[in-house]
């Protein structure tokens, strides 16, 4: 099969022939049709994500169809359209049982991170990692569901408990943020989108943001307070992960507000907050790691129902994988870059 292989950190990927994966009895061989890129792929390629062995096939936002099944697999049939949940978990530890799958104590693999991913014609995965979707959803749209959409949904609904009538601020309306805007609207919130790029803000407005703010020129705190009777936001979702910005975002919150930390950079310094602020206002700082199976299944239903629209900005063939990485590095995409395979 053809695959895009990372052989050296910081070097271009090489599209080459590699061996087809061999199936275990509970595995499914997925014919990958689309694989979306995100910022984590840039971190992996540059060697900033620990634990990625080389050579490595990246890609964790994957949609395709069932090509072959192991002899113990009964829930999927050849031709089924599926997306891939990219954590290979034990299913029995306390975190798996509590719906915190991404924190599995006996994690068997992290698809696209420390085991080979979806930038290849075929992908071997346990059947438990697959969620079917209706065939009227395109593979390119479906590829966004496991991460760009499900991560935002998991943060806002499951971790942030965003409620109808609350004010939600999405900081960074790129690939994840544009879907976060839509999800917050589905949940009934007033949505404020914050970015430094007017093209991103224009798209956020088209997708339902009630207010768009450019942090290079707008008074963010004041504008947010105007949306909530002067009290600040109920939820702030950070998709940037820069220390100074995180410290500023604390000031955007009303008492009992929730700061959802989704963006991160392992190379930056930590951010700080005075304990008195947390005590006196009872704000919460919540880390949000990817998603869980249940939330991904709910996202599939929302996309199938037309309540969330996947935002794809560029579609490229696998042979243009390095161009896709460069487009993402330049940060000029409005939505996700997707490889068709």
Protein backbone atom coordinates (compact mmCIF):
# COMPACT_ATOMS: atom_id res chain seq x y z
CA UNK A 1 0.00 0.00 0.00
CA UNK A 2 1.00 3.65 -0.38
CA UNK A 3 1.65 5.70 2.73
CA UNK A 4 3.14 9.03 3.76
CA UNK A 5 6.07 8.17 6.02
CA UNK A 6 7.89 10.43 8.46
CA UNK A 7 11.44 9.09 8.54
CA UNK A 8 13.17 12.04 10.21
CA UNK A 9 11.87 14.83 12.44
CA UNK A 10 11.80 18.15 10.64
CA UNK A 11 12.14 16.54 7.22
CA UNK A 12 9.47 16.20 4.50
CA UNK A 13 7.31 13.09 4.55
CA UNK A 14 7.97 10.47 1.88
CA UNK A 15 5.11 8.84 -0.03
CA UNK A 16 6.21 5.26 -0.66
CA UNK A 17 5.06 1.66 -0.78
CA UNK A 18 4.93 -0.10 2.59
CA UNK A 19 3.67 -3.48 3.72
CA UNK A 20 -0.07 -3.95 4.18
CA UNK A 21 -0.97 -4.42 7.86
CA UNK A 22 -1.83 -7.93 9.07
CA UNK A 23 -5.13 -8.38 10.93
CA UNK A 24 -5.67 -9.81 14.39
CA UNK A 25 -8.99 -11.62 15.02
CA UNK A 26 -10.68 -8.51 16.51
CA UNK A 27 -9.26 -6.04 13.97
CA UNK A 28 -10.80 -4.31 10.98
CA UNK A 29 -8.86 -3.25 7.91
CA UNK A 30 -10.11 0.17 6.89
CA UNK A 31 -9.66 1.45 3.34
CA UNK A 32 -8.80 5.04 4.23
CA UNK A 33 -10.56 7.57 2.02
CA UNK A 34 -9.78 10.83 3.81
CA UNK A 35 -7.44 12.00 6.55
CA UNK A 36 -7.61 15.52 7.99
CA UNK A 37 -4.63 17.39 9.43
CA UNK A 38 -4.39 19.33 12.66
CA UNK A 39 -1.81 21.16 14.72
CA UNK A 40 -0.78 17.96 16.48
CA UNK A 41 0.48 16.63 13.13
CA UNK A 42 2.85 19.60 12.94
CA UNK A 43 4.11 18.86 16.46
CA UNK A 44 4.70 15.21 15.60
CA UNK A 45 6.54 16.05 12.37
CA UNK A 46 8.84 18.49 14.16
CA UNK A 47 9.62 16.10 17.03
CA UNK A 48 7.77 18.18 19.62
CA UNK A 49 5.41 15.39 20.60
CA UNK A 50 7.10 12.81 22.86
CA UNK A 51 6.84 9.11 22.21
CA UNK A 52 6.47 9.04 18.44
CA UNK A 53 8.72 6.31 16.98
CA UNK A 54 10.33 6.61 13.56
CA UNK A 55 9.61 5.72 10.83
CA UNK A 56 5.99 6.72 11.40
CA UNK A 57 2.78 7.10 9.38
CA UNK A 58 0.89 10.10 10.85
CA UNK A 59 -2.80 10.94 10.73
CA UNK A 60 -5.50 10.60 13.38
CA UNK A 61 -8.56 12.26 11.78
CA UNK A 62 -9.65 9.35 9.63
CA UNK A 63 -12.67 8.31 7.58
CA UNK A 64 -12.95 5.33 5.28
CA UNK A 65 -14.77 2.10 4.58
CA UNK A 66 -14.46 -1.40 5.95
CA UNK A 67 -12.32 -3.46 3.58
CA UNK A 68 -11.74 -6.65 5.60
CA UNK A 69 -12.69 -7.91 9.07
CA UNK A 70 -11.01 -10.28 11.51
CA UNK A 71 -12.72 -13.59 12.22
CA UNK A 72 -14.05 -12.41 15.59
CA UNK A 73 -15.63 -9.20 14.26
CA UNK A 74 -19.41 -9.34 13.87
CA UNK A 75 -20.57 -5.73 14.18
CA UNK A 76 -19.14 -4.44 10.87
CA UNK A 77 -19.53 -5.52 7.26
CA UNK A 78 -17.49 -4.93 4.13
CA UNK A 79 -18.27 -1.50 2.72
CA UNK A 80 -19.50 0.13 5.94
CA UNK A 81 -18.51 3.80 6.18
CA UNK A 82 -16.64 4.47 9.42
CA UNK A 83 -14.67 7.07 11.36
CA UNK A 84 -11.85 6.11 13.68
CA UNK A 85 -11.68 6.85 17.40
CA UNK A 86 -7.93 7.26 17.74
CA UNK A 87 -7.33 5.94 21.27
CA UNK A 88 -6.91 2.17 21.53
CA UNK A 89 -8.13 1.58 25.08
CA UNK A 90 -8.60 -1.34 27.46
CA UNK A 91 -12.29 -0.61 28.13
CA UNK A 92 -12.14 -1.89 31.71
CA UNK A 93 -10.08 0.57 33.78
CA UNK A 94 -11.75 3.24 35.93
CA UNK A 95 -11.17 5.93 33.30
CA UNK A 96 -12.65 3.90 30.47
CA UNK A 97 -15.66 2.99 32.60
CA UNK A 98 -16.22 6.62 33.62
CA UNK A 99 -16.20 7.91 30.04
CA UNK A 100 -12.67 9.31 30.22
CA UNK A 101 -11.35 6.97 27.54
CA UNK A 102 -8.45 9.20 26.52
CA UNK A 103 -6.95 8.74 30.01
CA UNK A 104 -7.02 4.92 29.83
CA UNK A 105 -4.63 3.42 32.37
CA UNK A 106 -3.74 0.59 29.98
CA UNK A 107 -3.62 2.51 26.71
CA UNK A 108 -2.64 0.14 23.90
CA UNK A 109 -1.97 2.81 21.32
CA UNK A 110 -2.63 6.34 20.12
CA UNK A 111 -3.40 6.14 16.41
CA UNK A 112 -1.36 8.61 14.39
CA UNK A 113 0.75 9.52 17.43
CA UNK A 114 2.64 6.44 18.64
CA UNK A 115 1.17 3.85 16.27
CA UNK A 116 0.75 4.22 12.52
CA UNK A 117 -2.14 6.40 11.40
CA UNK A 118 -4.34 7.25 8.49
CA UNK A 119 -2.05 8.83 5.90
CA UNK A 120 -2.05 5.51 4.10
CA UNK A 121 -4.33 3.49 1.85
CA UNK A 122 -5.12 1.02 4.63
CA UNK A 123 -5.30 1.17 8.42
CA UNK A 124 -5.59 -1.71 10.87
CA UNK A 125 -7.66 -0.88 13.96
CA UNK A 126 -9.56 -2.81 16.63
CA UNK A 127 -13.26 -2.90 15.78
CA UNK A 128 -13.96 -1.07 19.07
CA UNK A 129 -12.32 2.06 17.57
CA UNK A 130 -14.83 2.37 14.72
CA UNK A 131 -18.08 4.32 14.58
CA UNK A 132 -20.28 4.05 11.48
CA UNK A 133 -21.78 7.00 9.64
CA UNK A 134 -24.35 7.35 6.89
CA UNK A 135 -23.08 7.16 3.34
CA UNK A 136 -24.62 10.52 2.38
CA UNK A 137 -21.85 12.21 4.40
CA UNK A 138 -18.71 12.62 2.28
CA UNK A 139 -15.48 11.04 3.47
CA UNK A 140 -13.76 14.44 3.46
CA UNK A 141 -16.44 15.88 5.76
CA UNK A 142 -16.48 12.77 7.95
CA UNK A 143 -12.71 12.94 8.53
CA UNK A 144 -13.25 16.06 10.64
CA UNK A 145 -15.60 14.34 13.08
CA UNK A 146 -13.09 12.40 15.27
CA UNK A 147 -11.11 15.47 16.31
CA UNK A 148 -11.95 18.91 14.88
CA UNK A 149 -15.60 18.46 15.81
CA UNK A 150 -15.58 15.88 18.60
CA UNK A 151 -12.84 17.62 20.61
CA UNK A 152 -14.86 20.84 20.60
CA UNK A 153 -18.04 18.99 21.53
CA UNK A 154 -16.34 17.11 24.35
CA UNK A 155 -14.93 20.36 25.77
CA UNK A 156 -18.08 22.46 25.57
CA UNK A 157 -20.77 19.92 26.43
CA UNK A 158 -19.12 17.22 28.53
CA UNK A 159 -16.35 19.10 30.34
CA UNK A 160 -17.71 22.66 30.24
CA UNK A 161 -21.39 21.78 30.72
CA UNK A 162 -22.37 24.72 28.53
CA UNK A 163 -26.04 25.57 29.06
CA UNK A 164 -28.71 27.30 27.01
CA UNK A 165 -28.62 31.05 27.59
CA UNK A 166 -24.99 31.16 28.74
CA UNK A 167 -22.25 33.21 27.09
CA UNK A 168 -19.44 31.20 25.50
CA UNK A 169 -16.19 32.68 24.19
CA UNK A 170 -14.14 30.71 21.65
CA UNK A 171 -10.55 31.95 21.48
CA UNK A 172 -8.91 30.86 18.24
CA UNK A 173 -11.43 30.14 15.47
CA UNK A 174 -9.36 27.92 13.22
CA UNK A 175 -9.98 24.25 12.48
CA UNK A 176 -11.42 23.43 15.90
CA UNK A 177 -12.79 26.84 16.76
CA UNK A 178 -15.11 27.13 13.77
CA UNK A 179 -16.76 23.90 14.86
CA UNK A 180 -16.82 25.04 18.49
CA UNK A 181 -18.81 28.09 17.39
CA UNK A 182 -21.42 25.83 15.77
CA UNK A 183 -21.57 23.48 18.74
CA UNK A 184 -22.03 26.34 21.20
CA UNK A 185 -24.92 27.61 19.07
CA UNK A 186 -26.49 24.13 18.99
CA UNK A 187 -26.26 24.12 22.80
CA UNK A 188 -28.12 27.43 22.92
CA UNK A 189 -25.35 29.80 23.97
CA UNK A 190 -24.55 33.35 22.92
CA UNK A 191 -21.21 32.94 21.14
CA UNK A 192 -18.28 35.35 21.05
CA UNK A 193 -15.47 34.44 18.62
CA UNK A 194 -11.98 35.85 19.23
CA UNK A 195 -9.05 35.68 16.82
CA UNK A 196 -6.34 37.83 15.23
CA UNK A 197 -7.34 36.89 11.66
CA UNK A 198 -10.30 38.71 10.12
CA UNK A 199 -10.86 35.90 7.59
CA UNK A 200 -11.34 33.44 10.45
CA UNK A 201 -13.67 35.87 12.19
CA UNK A 202 -15.71 36.39 9.02
CA UNK A 203 -16.19 32.64 8.72
CA UNK A 204 -17.11 32.39 12.41
CA UNK A 205 -19.78 35.02 11.87
CA UNK A 206 -21.15 33.10 8.88
CA UNK A 207 -21.37 29.99 11.06
CA UNK A 208 -23.38 31.70 13.78
CA UNK A 209 -21.08 33.66 16.08
CA UNK A 210 -23.08 36.48 17.65
CA UNK A 211 -20.03 38.69 18.20
CA UNK A 212 -16.60 38.56 16.55
CA UNK A 213 -13.60 40.29 18.12
CA UNK A 214 -10.08 40.86 16.85
CA UNK A 215 -7.75 40.81 19.85
CA UNK A 216 -5.28 43.07 18.05
CA UNK A 217 -7.71 45.97 18.11
CA UNK A 218 -10.77 45.22 20.28
CA UNK A 219 -11.21 45.49 24.04
CA UNK A 220 -12.06 41.83 24.61
CA UNK A 221 -13.03 41.93 28.29
CA UNK A 222 -15.32 44.91 27.85
CA UNK A 223 -17.00 43.49 24.76
CA UNK A 224 -17.62 40.15 26.50
CA UNK A 225 -19.14 41.79 29.57
CA UNK A 226 -21.60 43.63 27.35
CA UNK A 227 -23.02 40.22 26.36
CA UNK A 228 -23.72 39.10 29.93
CA UNK A 229 -25.02 42.11 31.88
CA UNK A 230 -21.51 43.19 32.74
CA UNK A 231 -20.54 39.92 34.41
CA UNK A 232 -18.25 38.27 31.88
CA UNK A 233 -18.46 34.92 30.13
CA UNK A 234 -19.80 31.69 31.56
CA UNK A 235 -17.40 29.62 29.46
CA UNK A 236 -14.14 30.51 27.71
CA UNK A 237 -12.69 27.86 25.41
CA UNK A 238 -8.99 28.38 24.70
CA UNK A 239 -7.60 26.79 21.53
CA UNK A 240 -4.27 28.63 21.50
CA UNK A 241 -2.44 27.56 24.66
CA UNK A 242 -0.19 30.58 25.13
CA UNK A 243 0.53 31.53 28.79
CA UNK A 244 -0.17 35.27 28.56
CA UNK A 245 -3.40 34.69 26.67
CA UNK A 246 -4.58 32.11 29.19
CA UNK A 247 -3.96 34.58 32.01
CA UNK A 248 -5.95 37.22 30.13
CA UNK A 249 -8.81 34.78 29.57
CA UNK A 250 -9.30 34.34 33.30
CA UNK A 251 -10.37 37.99 33.38
CA UNK A 252 -13.02 37.26 30.73
CA UNK A 253 -14.92 34.98 33.12
CA UNK A 254 -17.84 35.75 35.38
CA UNK A 255 -17.92 34.25 38.91
CA UNK A 256 -18.37 30.44 38.62
CA UNK A 257 -17.16 30.67 35.01
CA UNK A 258 -15.24 27.83 33.37
CA UNK A 259 -11.98 28.16 31.43
CA UNK A 260 -11.65 25.19 29.06
CA UNK A 261 -8.02 24.60 28.11
CA UNK A 262 -7.81 22.71 24.82
CA UNK A 263 -4.82 24.28 23.07
CA UNK A 264 -1.33 23.57 24.36
CA UNK A 265 2.34 23.82 23.44
CA UNK A 266 4.79 21.61 25.31
CA UNK A 267 7.61 24.09 24.64
CA UNK A 268 6.03 27.12 26.35
CA UNK A 269 6.19 28.18 30.00
CA UNK A 270 3.24 27.49 32.35
CA UNK A 271 0.68 30.18 33.05
CA UNK A 272 -0.20 31.45 36.50
CA UNK A 273 -3.27 32.46 38.47
CA UNK A 274 -3.54 33.81 42.01
CA UNK A 275 -5.26 31.36 44.34
CA UNK A 276 -7.42 34.15 45.73
CA UNK A 277 -9.03 34.68 42.33
CA UNK A 278 -10.12 31.05 42.18
CA UNK A 279 -11.37 31.05 45.75
CA UNK A 280 -13.24 34.35 45.69
CA UNK A 281 -14.89 33.84 42.29
CA UNK A 282 -15.14 30.03 42.25
CA UNK A 283 -14.01 29.89 38.65
CA UNK A 284 -12.88 26.55 37.28
CA UNK A 285 -9.93 25.74 35.02
CA UNK A 286 -10.64 22.53 33.15
CA UNK A 287 -8.25 20.59 30.94
CA UNK A 288 -9.95 19.01 27.93
CA UNK A 289 -8.17 16.14 26.19
CA UNK A 290 -9.60 15.15 22.79
CA UNK A 291 -12.88 13.26 23.17
CA UNK A 292 -14.42 9.95 24.19
CA UNK A 293 -16.31 7.34 22.18
CA UNK A 294 -19.73 8.46 23.37
CA UNK A 295 -19.14 12.08 22.40
CA UNK A 296 -17.81 11.06 18.99
CA UNK A 297 -20.94 8.97 18.43
CA UNK A 298 -23.09 11.98 19.34
CA UNK A 299 -21.11 14.18 16.96
CA UNK A 300 -21.75 11.73 14.12
CA UNK A 301 -25.48 12.04 14.75
CA UNK A 302 -25.32 15.85 14.82
CA UNK A 303 -23.45 15.97 11.52
CA UNK A 304 -25.85 13.46 9.98
CA UNK A 305 -28.75 15.65 11.10
CA UNK A 306 -27.18 18.72 9.50
CA UNK A 307 -26.81 20.56 12.81
CA UNK A 308 -23.03 20.87 12.45
CA UNK A 309 -21.32 21.53 9.13
CA UNK A 310 -17.74 20.28 8.76
CA UNK A 311 -15.58 23.13 7.48
CA UNK A 312 -13.08 21.90 4.88
CA UNK A 313 -10.84 24.56 3.36
CA UNK A 314 -8.45 22.49 1.19
CA UNK A 315 -8.59 18.99 -0.30
CA UNK A 316 -5.33 17.52 -1.59
CA UNK A 317 -4.18 14.07 -2.74
CA UNK A 318 -1.83 11.99 -0.60
CA UNK A 319 1.01 12.78 -2.99
CA UNK A 320 0.71 16.44 -1.95
CA UNK A 321 1.07 15.65 1.76
CA UNK A 322 3.99 18.05 2.23
CA UNK A 323 2.03 20.83 0.56
CA UNK A 324 -0.80 20.13 3.00
CA UNK A 325 1.61 20.44 5.93
CA UNK A 326 2.94 23.72 4.54
CA UNK A 327 -0.55 25.16 4.09
CA UNK A 328 -1.27 24.29 7.71
CA UNK A 329 2.02 25.80 8.93
CA UNK A 330 1.24 29.08 7.21
CA UNK A 331 -1.98 29.33 9.21
CA UNK A 332 -4.04 30.77 6.38
CA UNK A 333 -6.61 27.97 6.23
CA UNK A 334 -10.21 28.59 7.21
CA UNK A 335 -11.21 25.15 8.41
CA UNK A 336 -9.37 21.87 7.90
CA UNK A 337 -6.93 20.64 5.27
CA UNK A 338 -7.92 17.12 4.19
CA UNK A 339 -5.97 14.49 2.28
CA UNK A 340 -7.98 12.30 -0.10
CA UNK A 341 -6.42 8.86 -0.27
